[in-house]
N, C-alpha and C. Protein backbone atom coordinates (compact mmCIF):
# COMPACT_ATOMS: atom_id res chain seq x y z
N MET A 1 45.38 -8.10 -27.18
CA MET A 1 46.16 -8.71 -28.22
C MET A 1 47.58 -8.88 -27.71
N GLU A 2 47.95 -10.11 -27.50
CA GLU A 2 49.17 -10.40 -26.76
C GLU A 2 50.43 -10.55 -27.61
N ASN A 3 50.33 -10.58 -28.93
CA ASN A 3 51.50 -10.80 -29.78
C ASN A 3 51.86 -9.54 -30.57
N LYS A 4 53.16 -9.31 -30.71
CA LYS A 4 53.66 -8.17 -31.49
C LYS A 4 54.42 -8.71 -32.69
N ALA A 5 54.11 -8.18 -33.86
CA ALA A 5 54.78 -8.62 -35.08
C ALA A 5 55.12 -7.42 -35.94
N TYR A 6 56.15 -7.59 -36.76
CA TYR A 6 56.52 -6.61 -37.77
C TYR A 6 56.34 -7.27 -39.13
N ILE A 7 55.70 -6.54 -40.04
CA ILE A 7 55.41 -7.06 -41.38
C ILE A 7 55.98 -6.10 -42.41
N ALA A 8 56.70 -6.64 -43.40
CA ALA A 8 57.20 -5.85 -44.52
C ALA A 8 56.15 -5.86 -45.62
N LEU A 9 56.00 -4.71 -46.27
CA LEU A 9 55.08 -4.58 -47.40
C LEU A 9 55.88 -4.09 -48.60
N GLY A 10 55.59 -4.64 -49.77
CA GLY A 10 56.25 -4.20 -50.99
C GLY A 10 55.34 -4.34 -52.18
N SER A 11 55.53 -3.44 -53.17
CA SER A 11 54.75 -3.48 -54.40
C SER A 11 55.55 -2.82 -55.51
N ASN A 12 55.47 -3.40 -56.73
CA ASN A 12 56.10 -2.75 -57.87
C ASN A 12 55.28 -2.85 -59.15
N LEU A 13 54.01 -3.16 -59.02
CA LEU A 13 53.11 -3.19 -60.18
C LEU A 13 51.90 -2.30 -59.93
N GLY A 14 51.44 -1.63 -60.98
CA GLY A 14 50.21 -0.85 -60.88
C GLY A 14 50.34 0.30 -59.89
N ASP A 15 49.28 0.52 -59.14
CA ASP A 15 49.24 1.58 -58.13
C ASP A 15 49.97 1.10 -56.88
N ARG A 16 51.28 1.20 -56.91
CA ARG A 16 52.11 0.65 -55.83
C ARG A 16 51.68 1.18 -54.47
N PHE A 17 51.54 2.47 -54.33
CA PHE A 17 51.16 3.06 -53.04
C PHE A 17 49.75 2.61 -52.65
N GLY A 18 48.85 2.57 -53.62
CA GLY A 18 47.48 2.13 -53.35
C GLY A 18 47.43 0.72 -52.79
N TYR A 19 48.27 -0.17 -53.32
CA TYR A 19 48.30 -1.55 -52.79
C TYR A 19 48.80 -1.57 -51.34
N LEU A 20 49.79 -0.76 -51.02
CA LEU A 20 50.28 -0.71 -49.64
C LEU A 20 49.18 -0.22 -48.71
N VAL A 21 48.50 0.85 -49.11
CA VAL A 21 47.42 1.42 -48.29
C VAL A 21 46.31 0.38 -48.10
N GLN A 22 45.90 -0.26 -49.19
CA GLN A 22 44.83 -1.27 -49.10
C GLN A 22 45.23 -2.41 -48.17
N ALA A 23 46.48 -2.85 -48.24
CA ALA A 23 46.94 -3.94 -47.37
C ALA A 23 46.86 -3.53 -45.90
N ILE A 24 47.29 -2.31 -45.59
CA ILE A 24 47.23 -1.83 -44.20
C ILE A 24 45.79 -1.77 -43.72
N LEU A 25 44.91 -1.25 -44.58
CA LEU A 25 43.49 -1.16 -44.21
C LEU A 25 42.88 -2.55 -44.00
N LEU A 26 43.22 -3.50 -44.88
CA LEU A 26 42.68 -4.86 -44.73
C LEU A 26 43.21 -5.54 -43.47
N LEU A 27 44.51 -5.37 -43.19
CA LEU A 27 45.05 -5.93 -41.95
C LEU A 27 44.36 -5.31 -40.75
N GLY A 28 44.22 -3.99 -40.75
CA GLY A 28 43.59 -3.29 -39.62
C GLY A 28 42.12 -3.57 -39.46
N SER A 29 41.46 -4.01 -40.53
CA SER A 29 40.02 -4.31 -40.43
C SER A 29 39.76 -5.70 -39.82
N ASN A 30 40.82 -6.50 -39.70
CA ASN A 30 40.69 -7.81 -39.05
C ASN A 30 40.62 -7.57 -37.54
N GLU A 31 39.56 -8.08 -36.90
CA GLU A 31 39.37 -7.81 -35.47
C GLU A 31 40.46 -8.42 -34.59
N GLU A 32 41.28 -9.29 -35.15
CA GLU A 32 42.36 -9.90 -34.36
C GLU A 32 43.72 -9.26 -34.64
N ILE A 33 43.71 -8.16 -35.41
CA ILE A 33 44.95 -7.46 -35.74
C ILE A 33 44.75 -5.97 -35.53
N SER A 34 45.71 -5.35 -34.85
CA SER A 34 45.70 -3.90 -34.68
C SER A 34 47.01 -3.34 -35.21
N VAL A 35 46.93 -2.44 -36.19
CA VAL A 35 48.13 -1.79 -36.73
C VAL A 35 48.51 -0.69 -35.75
N VAL A 36 49.69 -0.79 -35.15
CA VAL A 36 50.08 0.18 -34.12
C VAL A 36 51.18 1.14 -34.56
N ASN A 37 51.87 0.85 -35.67
CA ASN A 37 52.90 1.76 -36.14
C ASN A 37 53.18 1.47 -37.61
N THR A 38 53.54 2.51 -38.34
CA THR A 38 53.92 2.37 -39.74
C THR A 38 55.21 3.15 -39.98
N SER A 39 55.99 2.68 -40.93
CA SER A 39 57.19 3.42 -41.33
C SER A 39 56.83 4.35 -42.48
N SER A 40 57.80 5.14 -42.88
CA SER A 40 57.68 5.88 -44.13
C SER A 40 57.68 4.87 -45.27
N VAL A 41 57.39 5.34 -46.47
CA VAL A 41 57.46 4.50 -47.67
C VAL A 41 58.78 4.80 -48.36
N TYR A 42 59.48 3.75 -48.76
CA TYR A 42 60.77 3.86 -49.42
C TYR A 42 60.65 3.33 -50.84
N GLU A 43 61.29 4.02 -51.79
CA GLU A 43 61.38 3.47 -53.13
C GLU A 43 62.71 2.75 -53.23
N THR A 44 62.68 1.54 -53.76
CA THR A 44 63.88 0.70 -53.73
C THR A 44 64.13 0.03 -55.07
N ASP A 45 65.40 -0.16 -55.34
CA ASP A 45 65.79 -0.91 -56.53
C ASP A 45 65.46 -2.38 -56.30
N PRO A 46 65.06 -3.10 -57.36
CA PRO A 46 64.76 -4.53 -57.19
C PRO A 46 66.01 -5.33 -56.81
N VAL A 47 65.79 -6.40 -56.06
CA VAL A 47 66.86 -7.30 -55.62
C VAL A 47 66.56 -8.68 -56.21
N GLY A 48 67.60 -9.42 -56.56
CA GLY A 48 67.40 -10.75 -57.16
C GLY A 48 67.21 -10.59 -58.65
N TYR A 49 65.97 -10.58 -59.09
CA TYR A 49 65.63 -10.35 -60.50
C TYR A 49 65.52 -8.84 -60.68
N THR A 50 66.48 -8.23 -61.38
CA THR A 50 66.58 -6.77 -61.42
C THR A 50 65.92 -6.12 -62.62
N ASP A 51 65.47 -6.90 -63.61
CA ASP A 51 64.84 -6.33 -64.80
C ASP A 51 63.34 -6.15 -64.56
N GLN A 52 63.03 -5.23 -63.64
CA GLN A 52 61.64 -4.95 -63.29
C GLN A 52 61.57 -3.55 -62.67
N ASN A 53 60.34 -3.07 -62.47
CA ASN A 53 60.12 -1.74 -61.91
C ASN A 53 60.64 -1.65 -60.48
N GLN A 54 60.88 -0.41 -60.06
CA GLN A 54 61.28 -0.17 -58.67
C GLN A 54 60.11 -0.47 -57.74
N PHE A 55 60.45 -0.85 -56.53
CA PHE A 55 59.46 -1.19 -55.52
C PHE A 55 59.17 0.00 -54.61
N LEU A 56 57.98 0.01 -54.05
CA LEU A 56 57.71 0.79 -52.86
C LEU A 56 57.69 -0.21 -51.72
N ASN A 57 58.45 0.08 -50.67
CA ASN A 57 58.54 -0.80 -49.50
C ASN A 57 58.29 -0.01 -48.23
N MET A 58 57.78 -0.68 -47.25
CA MET A 58 57.60 -0.10 -45.93
C MET A 58 57.44 -1.26 -44.94
N ALA A 59 57.31 -0.93 -43.68
CA ALA A 59 57.05 -1.94 -42.66
C ALA A 59 55.99 -1.40 -41.71
N ILE A 60 55.28 -2.32 -41.10
CA ILE A 60 54.31 -1.95 -40.08
C ILE A 60 54.51 -2.83 -38.86
N GLN A 61 54.09 -2.31 -37.74
CA GLN A 61 54.07 -3.07 -36.49
C GLN A 61 52.62 -3.34 -36.16
N VAL A 62 52.31 -4.59 -35.83
CA VAL A 62 50.95 -4.95 -35.46
C VAL A 62 50.95 -5.65 -34.10
N GLU A 63 49.83 -5.55 -33.44
CA GLU A 63 49.54 -6.40 -32.29
C GLU A 63 48.42 -7.31 -32.72
N THR A 64 48.51 -8.58 -32.32
CA THR A 64 47.54 -9.55 -32.82
C THR A 64 47.29 -10.66 -31.80
N SER A 65 46.09 -11.20 -31.86
CA SER A 65 45.79 -12.39 -31.08
C SER A 65 45.98 -13.65 -31.94
N LEU A 66 46.36 -13.47 -33.21
CA LEU A 66 46.62 -14.60 -34.10
C LEU A 66 47.99 -15.20 -33.80
N GLY A 67 48.09 -16.50 -33.98
CA GLY A 67 49.39 -17.16 -33.93
C GLY A 67 50.15 -16.83 -35.20
N PRO A 68 51.43 -17.16 -35.27
CA PRO A 68 52.23 -16.79 -36.44
C PRO A 68 51.74 -17.39 -37.75
N VAL A 69 51.31 -18.64 -37.75
CA VAL A 69 50.85 -19.26 -39.00
C VAL A 69 49.51 -18.65 -39.43
N GLU A 70 48.65 -18.34 -38.46
CA GLU A 70 47.37 -17.70 -38.80
C GLU A 70 47.61 -16.29 -39.36
N LEU A 71 48.60 -15.59 -38.80
CA LEU A 71 48.94 -14.27 -39.32
C LEU A 71 49.47 -14.39 -40.74
N LEU A 72 50.31 -15.38 -40.99
CA LEU A 72 50.82 -15.63 -42.34
C LEU A 72 49.66 -15.91 -43.29
N ASP A 73 48.74 -16.78 -42.89
CA ASP A 73 47.59 -17.10 -43.75
C ASP A 73 46.78 -15.85 -44.08
N THR A 74 46.61 -14.97 -43.11
CA THR A 74 45.89 -13.72 -43.33
C THR A 74 46.64 -12.86 -44.35
N CYS A 75 47.96 -12.77 -44.21
CA CYS A 75 48.77 -12.00 -45.16
C CYS A 75 48.66 -12.57 -46.57
N LEU A 76 48.71 -13.89 -46.69
CA LEU A 76 48.62 -14.54 -48.01
C LEU A 76 47.25 -14.30 -48.64
N GLU A 77 46.19 -14.31 -47.83
CA GLU A 77 44.84 -14.03 -48.34
C GLU A 77 44.75 -12.61 -48.87
N ILE A 78 45.36 -11.66 -48.16
CA ILE A 78 45.34 -10.26 -48.60
C ILE A 78 46.12 -10.11 -49.89
N GLU A 79 47.28 -10.76 -49.99
CA GLU A 79 48.05 -10.73 -51.24
C GLU A 79 47.19 -11.19 -52.42
N LEU A 80 46.50 -12.32 -52.24
CA LEU A 80 45.64 -12.85 -53.31
C LEU A 80 44.50 -11.90 -53.65
N LYS A 81 43.88 -11.35 -52.61
CA LYS A 81 42.76 -10.42 -52.80
C LYS A 81 43.20 -9.21 -53.62
N LEU A 82 44.45 -8.80 -53.45
CA LEU A 82 44.96 -7.63 -54.15
C LEU A 82 45.75 -8.01 -55.42
N GLY A 83 45.52 -9.21 -55.93
CA GLY A 83 46.00 -9.58 -57.25
C GLY A 83 47.39 -10.18 -57.34
N ARG A 84 47.94 -10.64 -56.23
CA ARG A 84 49.29 -11.22 -56.26
C ARG A 84 49.28 -12.52 -57.06
N LYS A 85 50.23 -12.61 -57.99
CA LYS A 85 50.45 -13.84 -58.75
C LYS A 85 51.90 -14.24 -58.55
N ARG A 86 52.14 -15.49 -58.20
CA ARG A 86 53.50 -15.99 -57.97
C ARG A 86 53.98 -16.72 -59.21
N GLU A 87 54.53 -15.93 -60.15
CA GLU A 87 54.94 -16.50 -61.43
C GLU A 87 56.44 -16.72 -61.51
N MET A 88 57.23 -15.93 -60.78
CA MET A 88 58.68 -16.08 -60.81
C MET A 88 59.24 -15.61 -59.47
N LYS A 89 60.29 -16.32 -59.03
CA LYS A 89 60.94 -15.95 -57.77
C LYS A 89 61.49 -14.54 -57.89
N TRP A 90 61.21 -13.72 -56.90
CA TRP A 90 61.65 -12.32 -56.83
C TRP A 90 61.12 -11.48 -57.99
N GLY A 91 60.05 -11.94 -58.63
CA GLY A 91 59.50 -11.22 -59.77
C GLY A 91 58.56 -10.10 -59.37
N PRO A 92 58.02 -9.40 -60.37
CA PRO A 92 57.10 -8.30 -60.12
C PRO A 92 55.87 -8.77 -59.36
N ARG A 93 55.30 -7.86 -58.55
CA ARG A 93 54.12 -8.23 -57.76
C ARG A 93 53.31 -7.00 -57.39
N THR A 94 52.00 -7.22 -57.30
CA THR A 94 51.14 -6.14 -56.83
C THR A 94 51.38 -5.90 -55.34
N LEU A 95 51.64 -6.99 -54.61
CA LEU A 95 51.81 -6.87 -53.17
C LEU A 95 52.59 -8.06 -52.63
N ASP A 96 53.49 -7.75 -51.72
CA ASP A 96 54.22 -8.78 -50.99
C ASP A 96 54.13 -8.43 -49.51
N LEU A 97 53.68 -9.36 -48.70
CA LEU A 97 53.61 -9.18 -47.25
C LEU A 97 54.46 -10.27 -46.62
N ASP A 98 55.48 -9.87 -45.86
CA ASP A 98 56.36 -10.83 -45.19
C ASP A 98 56.38 -10.55 -43.70
N ILE A 99 56.17 -11.59 -42.91
CA ILE A 99 56.32 -11.45 -41.46
C ILE A 99 57.82 -11.45 -41.18
N LEU A 100 58.29 -10.35 -40.63
CA LEU A 100 59.71 -10.20 -40.34
C LEU A 100 60.04 -10.71 -38.95
N LEU A 101 59.25 -10.29 -37.98
CA LEU A 101 59.46 -10.66 -36.57
C LEU A 101 58.11 -10.97 -35.95
N TYR A 102 58.09 -11.92 -35.04
CA TYR A 102 56.89 -12.27 -34.31
C TYR A 102 57.31 -12.44 -32.85
N ASN A 103 56.84 -11.51 -32.01
CA ASN A 103 57.33 -11.40 -30.63
C ASN A 103 58.87 -11.36 -30.71
N HIS A 104 59.53 -12.12 -29.92
CA HIS A 104 60.99 -12.19 -30.03
C HIS A 104 61.35 -13.66 -30.25
N GLU A 105 60.56 -14.31 -31.11
CA GLU A 105 60.66 -15.76 -31.29
C GLU A 105 61.44 -16.13 -32.54
N ASN A 106 62.05 -17.28 -32.47
CA ASN A 106 62.61 -17.96 -33.64
C ASN A 106 61.59 -19.02 -34.02
N ILE A 107 61.10 -18.96 -35.25
CA ILE A 107 60.09 -19.91 -35.73
C ILE A 107 60.61 -20.52 -37.01
N GLU A 108 60.58 -21.83 -37.08
CA GLU A 108 60.98 -22.49 -38.32
C GLU A 108 60.04 -23.66 -38.57
N THR A 109 59.12 -23.44 -39.53
CA THR A 109 58.23 -24.50 -39.96
C THR A 109 58.38 -24.63 -41.48
N GLU A 110 57.68 -25.58 -42.05
CA GLU A 110 57.72 -25.75 -43.50
C GLU A 110 57.15 -24.52 -44.20
N LYS A 111 56.23 -23.85 -43.53
CA LYS A 111 55.50 -22.73 -44.13
C LYS A 111 56.05 -21.35 -43.77
N LEU A 112 56.74 -21.26 -42.64
CA LEU A 112 57.12 -19.94 -42.12
C LEU A 112 58.46 -19.99 -41.40
N THR A 113 59.32 -19.00 -41.69
CA THR A 113 60.56 -18.82 -40.97
C THR A 113 60.61 -17.39 -40.45
N VAL A 114 60.77 -17.26 -39.13
CA VAL A 114 60.86 -15.96 -38.47
C VAL A 114 62.01 -16.01 -37.50
N PRO A 115 62.90 -15.02 -37.48
CA PRO A 115 62.92 -13.83 -38.32
C PRO A 115 63.03 -14.22 -39.80
N HIS A 116 62.53 -13.32 -40.64
CA HIS A 116 62.60 -13.56 -42.08
C HIS A 116 64.05 -13.85 -42.46
N PRO A 117 64.29 -14.92 -43.21
CA PRO A 117 65.66 -15.41 -43.41
C PRO A 117 66.64 -14.43 -44.06
N ARG A 118 66.19 -13.52 -44.90
CA ARG A 118 67.13 -12.62 -45.57
C ARG A 118 67.02 -11.17 -45.11
N MET A 119 66.26 -10.93 -44.04
CA MET A 119 66.02 -9.54 -43.66
C MET A 119 67.29 -8.79 -43.24
N SER A 120 68.23 -9.46 -42.62
CA SER A 120 69.43 -8.77 -42.16
C SER A 120 70.38 -8.41 -43.31
N GLU A 121 70.05 -8.86 -44.53
CA GLU A 121 70.87 -8.55 -45.70
C GLU A 121 70.22 -7.48 -46.57
N ARG A 122 69.07 -6.97 -46.17
CA ARG A 122 68.29 -6.09 -47.05
C ARG A 122 67.99 -4.75 -46.40
N ALA A 123 68.60 -3.72 -46.95
CA ALA A 123 68.40 -2.38 -46.42
C ALA A 123 66.94 -1.95 -46.53
N PHE A 124 66.23 -2.40 -47.57
CA PHE A 124 64.83 -1.98 -47.74
C PHE A 124 63.92 -2.58 -46.67
N VAL A 125 64.42 -3.56 -45.92
CA VAL A 125 63.69 -4.11 -44.79
C VAL A 125 64.16 -3.46 -43.49
N ILE A 126 65.45 -3.33 -43.33
CA ILE A 126 66.02 -2.84 -42.07
C ILE A 126 65.70 -1.36 -41.85
N LEU A 127 65.83 -0.52 -42.88
CA LEU A 127 65.59 0.91 -42.69
C LEU A 127 64.18 1.21 -42.17
N PRO A 128 63.11 0.65 -42.75
CA PRO A 128 61.78 0.92 -42.19
C PRO A 128 61.62 0.41 -40.75
N LEU A 129 62.21 -0.75 -40.45
CA LEU A 129 62.14 -1.27 -39.08
C LEU A 129 62.82 -0.34 -38.10
N LEU A 130 64.02 0.12 -38.45
CA LEU A 130 64.77 0.99 -37.56
C LEU A 130 64.10 2.34 -37.40
N GLU A 131 63.37 2.77 -38.40
CA GLU A 131 62.61 4.02 -38.28
C GLU A 131 61.58 3.89 -37.16
N MET A 132 60.95 2.72 -37.06
CA MET A 132 59.94 2.51 -36.01
C MET A 132 60.56 2.22 -34.66
N ASP A 133 61.69 1.50 -34.64
CA ASP A 133 62.35 1.14 -33.39
C ASP A 133 63.86 1.08 -33.62
N PRO A 134 64.59 2.18 -33.33
CA PRO A 134 66.02 2.23 -33.61
C PRO A 134 66.86 1.23 -32.81
N ASN A 135 66.31 0.68 -31.74
CA ASN A 135 67.06 -0.27 -30.90
C ASN A 135 66.64 -1.71 -31.11
N LEU A 136 65.91 -1.97 -32.17
CA LEU A 136 65.40 -3.32 -32.44
C LEU A 136 66.54 -4.31 -32.60
N LYS A 137 66.36 -5.49 -32.00
CA LYS A 137 67.32 -6.59 -32.13
C LYS A 137 66.58 -7.81 -32.66
N LEU A 138 67.30 -8.63 -33.39
CA LEU A 138 66.75 -9.90 -33.82
C LEU A 138 66.91 -10.90 -32.69
N PRO A 139 66.04 -11.90 -32.61
CA PRO A 139 66.22 -12.93 -31.58
C PRO A 139 67.61 -13.55 -31.69
N ASN A 140 68.22 -13.80 -30.57
CA ASN A 140 69.57 -14.39 -30.49
C ASN A 140 70.66 -13.52 -31.11
N MET A 141 70.42 -12.23 -31.22
CA MET A 141 71.42 -11.32 -31.76
C MET A 141 71.81 -10.34 -30.66
N ALA A 142 73.08 -10.30 -30.35
CA ALA A 142 73.55 -9.43 -29.27
C ALA A 142 73.54 -7.96 -29.69
N GLU A 143 73.90 -7.71 -30.94
CA GLU A 143 74.01 -6.33 -31.43
C GLU A 143 72.66 -5.84 -31.95
N PRO A 144 72.39 -4.54 -31.85
CA PRO A 144 71.17 -3.99 -32.44
C PRO A 144 71.18 -4.18 -33.97
N LEU A 145 70.00 -4.19 -34.55
CA LEU A 145 69.84 -4.40 -35.99
C LEU A 145 70.58 -3.33 -36.79
N LYS A 146 70.73 -2.14 -36.22
CA LYS A 146 71.40 -1.06 -36.97
C LYS A 146 72.85 -1.40 -37.31
N LYS A 147 73.48 -2.32 -36.56
CA LYS A 147 74.84 -2.76 -36.90
C LYS A 147 74.85 -3.53 -38.22
N CYS A 148 73.79 -4.32 -38.48
CA CYS A 148 73.68 -5.06 -39.75
C CYS A 148 73.65 -4.11 -40.93
N LEU A 149 72.99 -2.99 -40.76
CA LEU A 149 72.81 -2.04 -41.85
C LEU A 149 74.15 -1.56 -42.40
N LEU A 150 75.13 -1.41 -41.54
CA LEU A 150 76.43 -0.89 -41.96
C LEU A 150 77.15 -1.83 -42.92
N SER A 151 76.83 -3.11 -42.89
CA SER A 151 77.51 -4.08 -43.75
C SER A 151 76.76 -4.38 -45.05
N ILE A 152 75.65 -3.70 -45.28
CA ILE A 152 74.85 -3.95 -46.48
C ILE A 152 75.30 -3.01 -47.60
N PRO A 153 75.71 -3.58 -48.75
CA PRO A 153 76.23 -2.74 -49.83
C PRO A 153 75.17 -1.95 -50.60
N ASP A 154 73.89 -2.37 -50.59
CA ASP A 154 72.89 -1.72 -51.45
C ASP A 154 72.07 -0.65 -50.74
N ARG A 155 72.61 -0.05 -49.70
CA ARG A 155 71.86 0.98 -48.97
C ARG A 155 71.45 2.15 -49.87
N GLU A 156 72.28 2.47 -50.86
CA GLU A 156 71.99 3.59 -51.75
C GLU A 156 70.76 3.33 -52.61
N GLY A 157 70.38 2.07 -52.78
CA GLY A 157 69.21 1.73 -53.58
C GLY A 157 67.90 1.88 -52.84
N VAL A 158 67.93 2.48 -51.65
CA VAL A 158 66.74 2.65 -50.81
C VAL A 158 66.60 4.14 -50.50
N ARG A 159 65.50 4.73 -51.01
CA ARG A 159 65.30 6.17 -50.84
C ARG A 159 63.91 6.45 -50.27
N ILE A 160 63.81 7.45 -49.41
CA ILE A 160 62.48 7.86 -48.90
C ILE A 160 61.63 8.28 -50.08
N TRP A 161 60.41 7.76 -50.15
CA TRP A 161 59.47 8.11 -51.20
C TRP A 161 58.35 8.98 -50.64
N LYS A 162 57.83 8.59 -49.47
CA LYS A 162 56.79 9.36 -48.79
C LYS A 162 57.09 9.33 -47.31
N GLN A 163 57.49 10.46 -46.78
CA GLN A 163 57.86 10.58 -45.37
C GLN A 163 56.62 10.48 -44.49
N LYS A 164 56.69 9.69 -43.47
CA LYS A 164 55.64 9.66 -42.47
C LYS A 164 55.65 10.99 -41.75
N ASN A 165 54.48 11.59 -41.55
CA ASN A 165 54.49 12.92 -40.95
C ASN A 165 54.49 12.89 -39.43
N GLY A 166 54.30 11.73 -38.84
CA GLY A 166 54.48 11.58 -37.40
C GLY A 166 53.33 12.01 -36.53
N GLU A 167 52.22 12.49 -37.11
CA GLU A 167 51.12 12.93 -36.25
C GLU A 167 50.47 11.77 -35.52
N ASP A 168 50.21 10.69 -36.23
CA ASP A 168 49.70 9.49 -35.58
C ASP A 168 49.95 8.29 -36.49
N VAL A 169 49.59 7.14 -36.03
CA VAL A 169 49.90 5.91 -36.76
C VAL A 169 49.33 5.93 -38.17
N PHE A 170 48.13 6.44 -38.35
CA PHE A 170 47.46 6.34 -39.64
C PHE A 170 47.64 7.58 -40.50
N ALA A 171 48.47 8.52 -40.08
CA ALA A 171 48.71 9.72 -40.87
C ALA A 171 49.21 9.35 -42.26
N LEU A 172 50.02 8.34 -42.35
CA LEU A 172 50.58 7.92 -43.63
C LEU A 172 49.49 7.56 -44.63
N ILE A 173 48.50 6.80 -44.20
CA ILE A 173 47.50 6.32 -45.16
C ILE A 173 46.34 7.27 -45.33
N GLU A 174 46.25 8.29 -44.52
CA GLU A 174 45.16 9.26 -44.67
C GLU A 174 45.56 10.45 -45.54
N SER A 175 46.86 10.68 -45.69
CA SER A 175 47.28 11.89 -46.42
C SER A 175 47.34 11.69 -47.90
């Protein structure tokens, strides 16, 4: 599997943690995707539309033989399978899967933009990424991603909810 991608996961409806676990299992059950790392789970205040439940957010690193659009299609299928309804921008959801990074590429199509366009403004995205790789850089960015974190005002709205125990990649979803 020649491609490396980072995917953000979020949920704020129903069994939030259960939806994250199911998404990881569904991604990992695809023979063209291997989940190689997971972050801890963070509880976060909603952004954009704030009159809704708090989110559980995390990120995963995958290796895949899928191209970026095929990976996106797979993520969208999993969202639908787990009950995602797109009724309002930034509204409540059972599951949100966003491709944050794909290799070290800049991708801009009608369907997909990578790096994710607002990721450098969101602590709930950056913190899980930095947990997996503290030296991560965005394509065409000279400074490490951790420098972006210092300029984000809502860092306090992101709290560890379930610490990864570090034994292995799947320790998070087995415990």
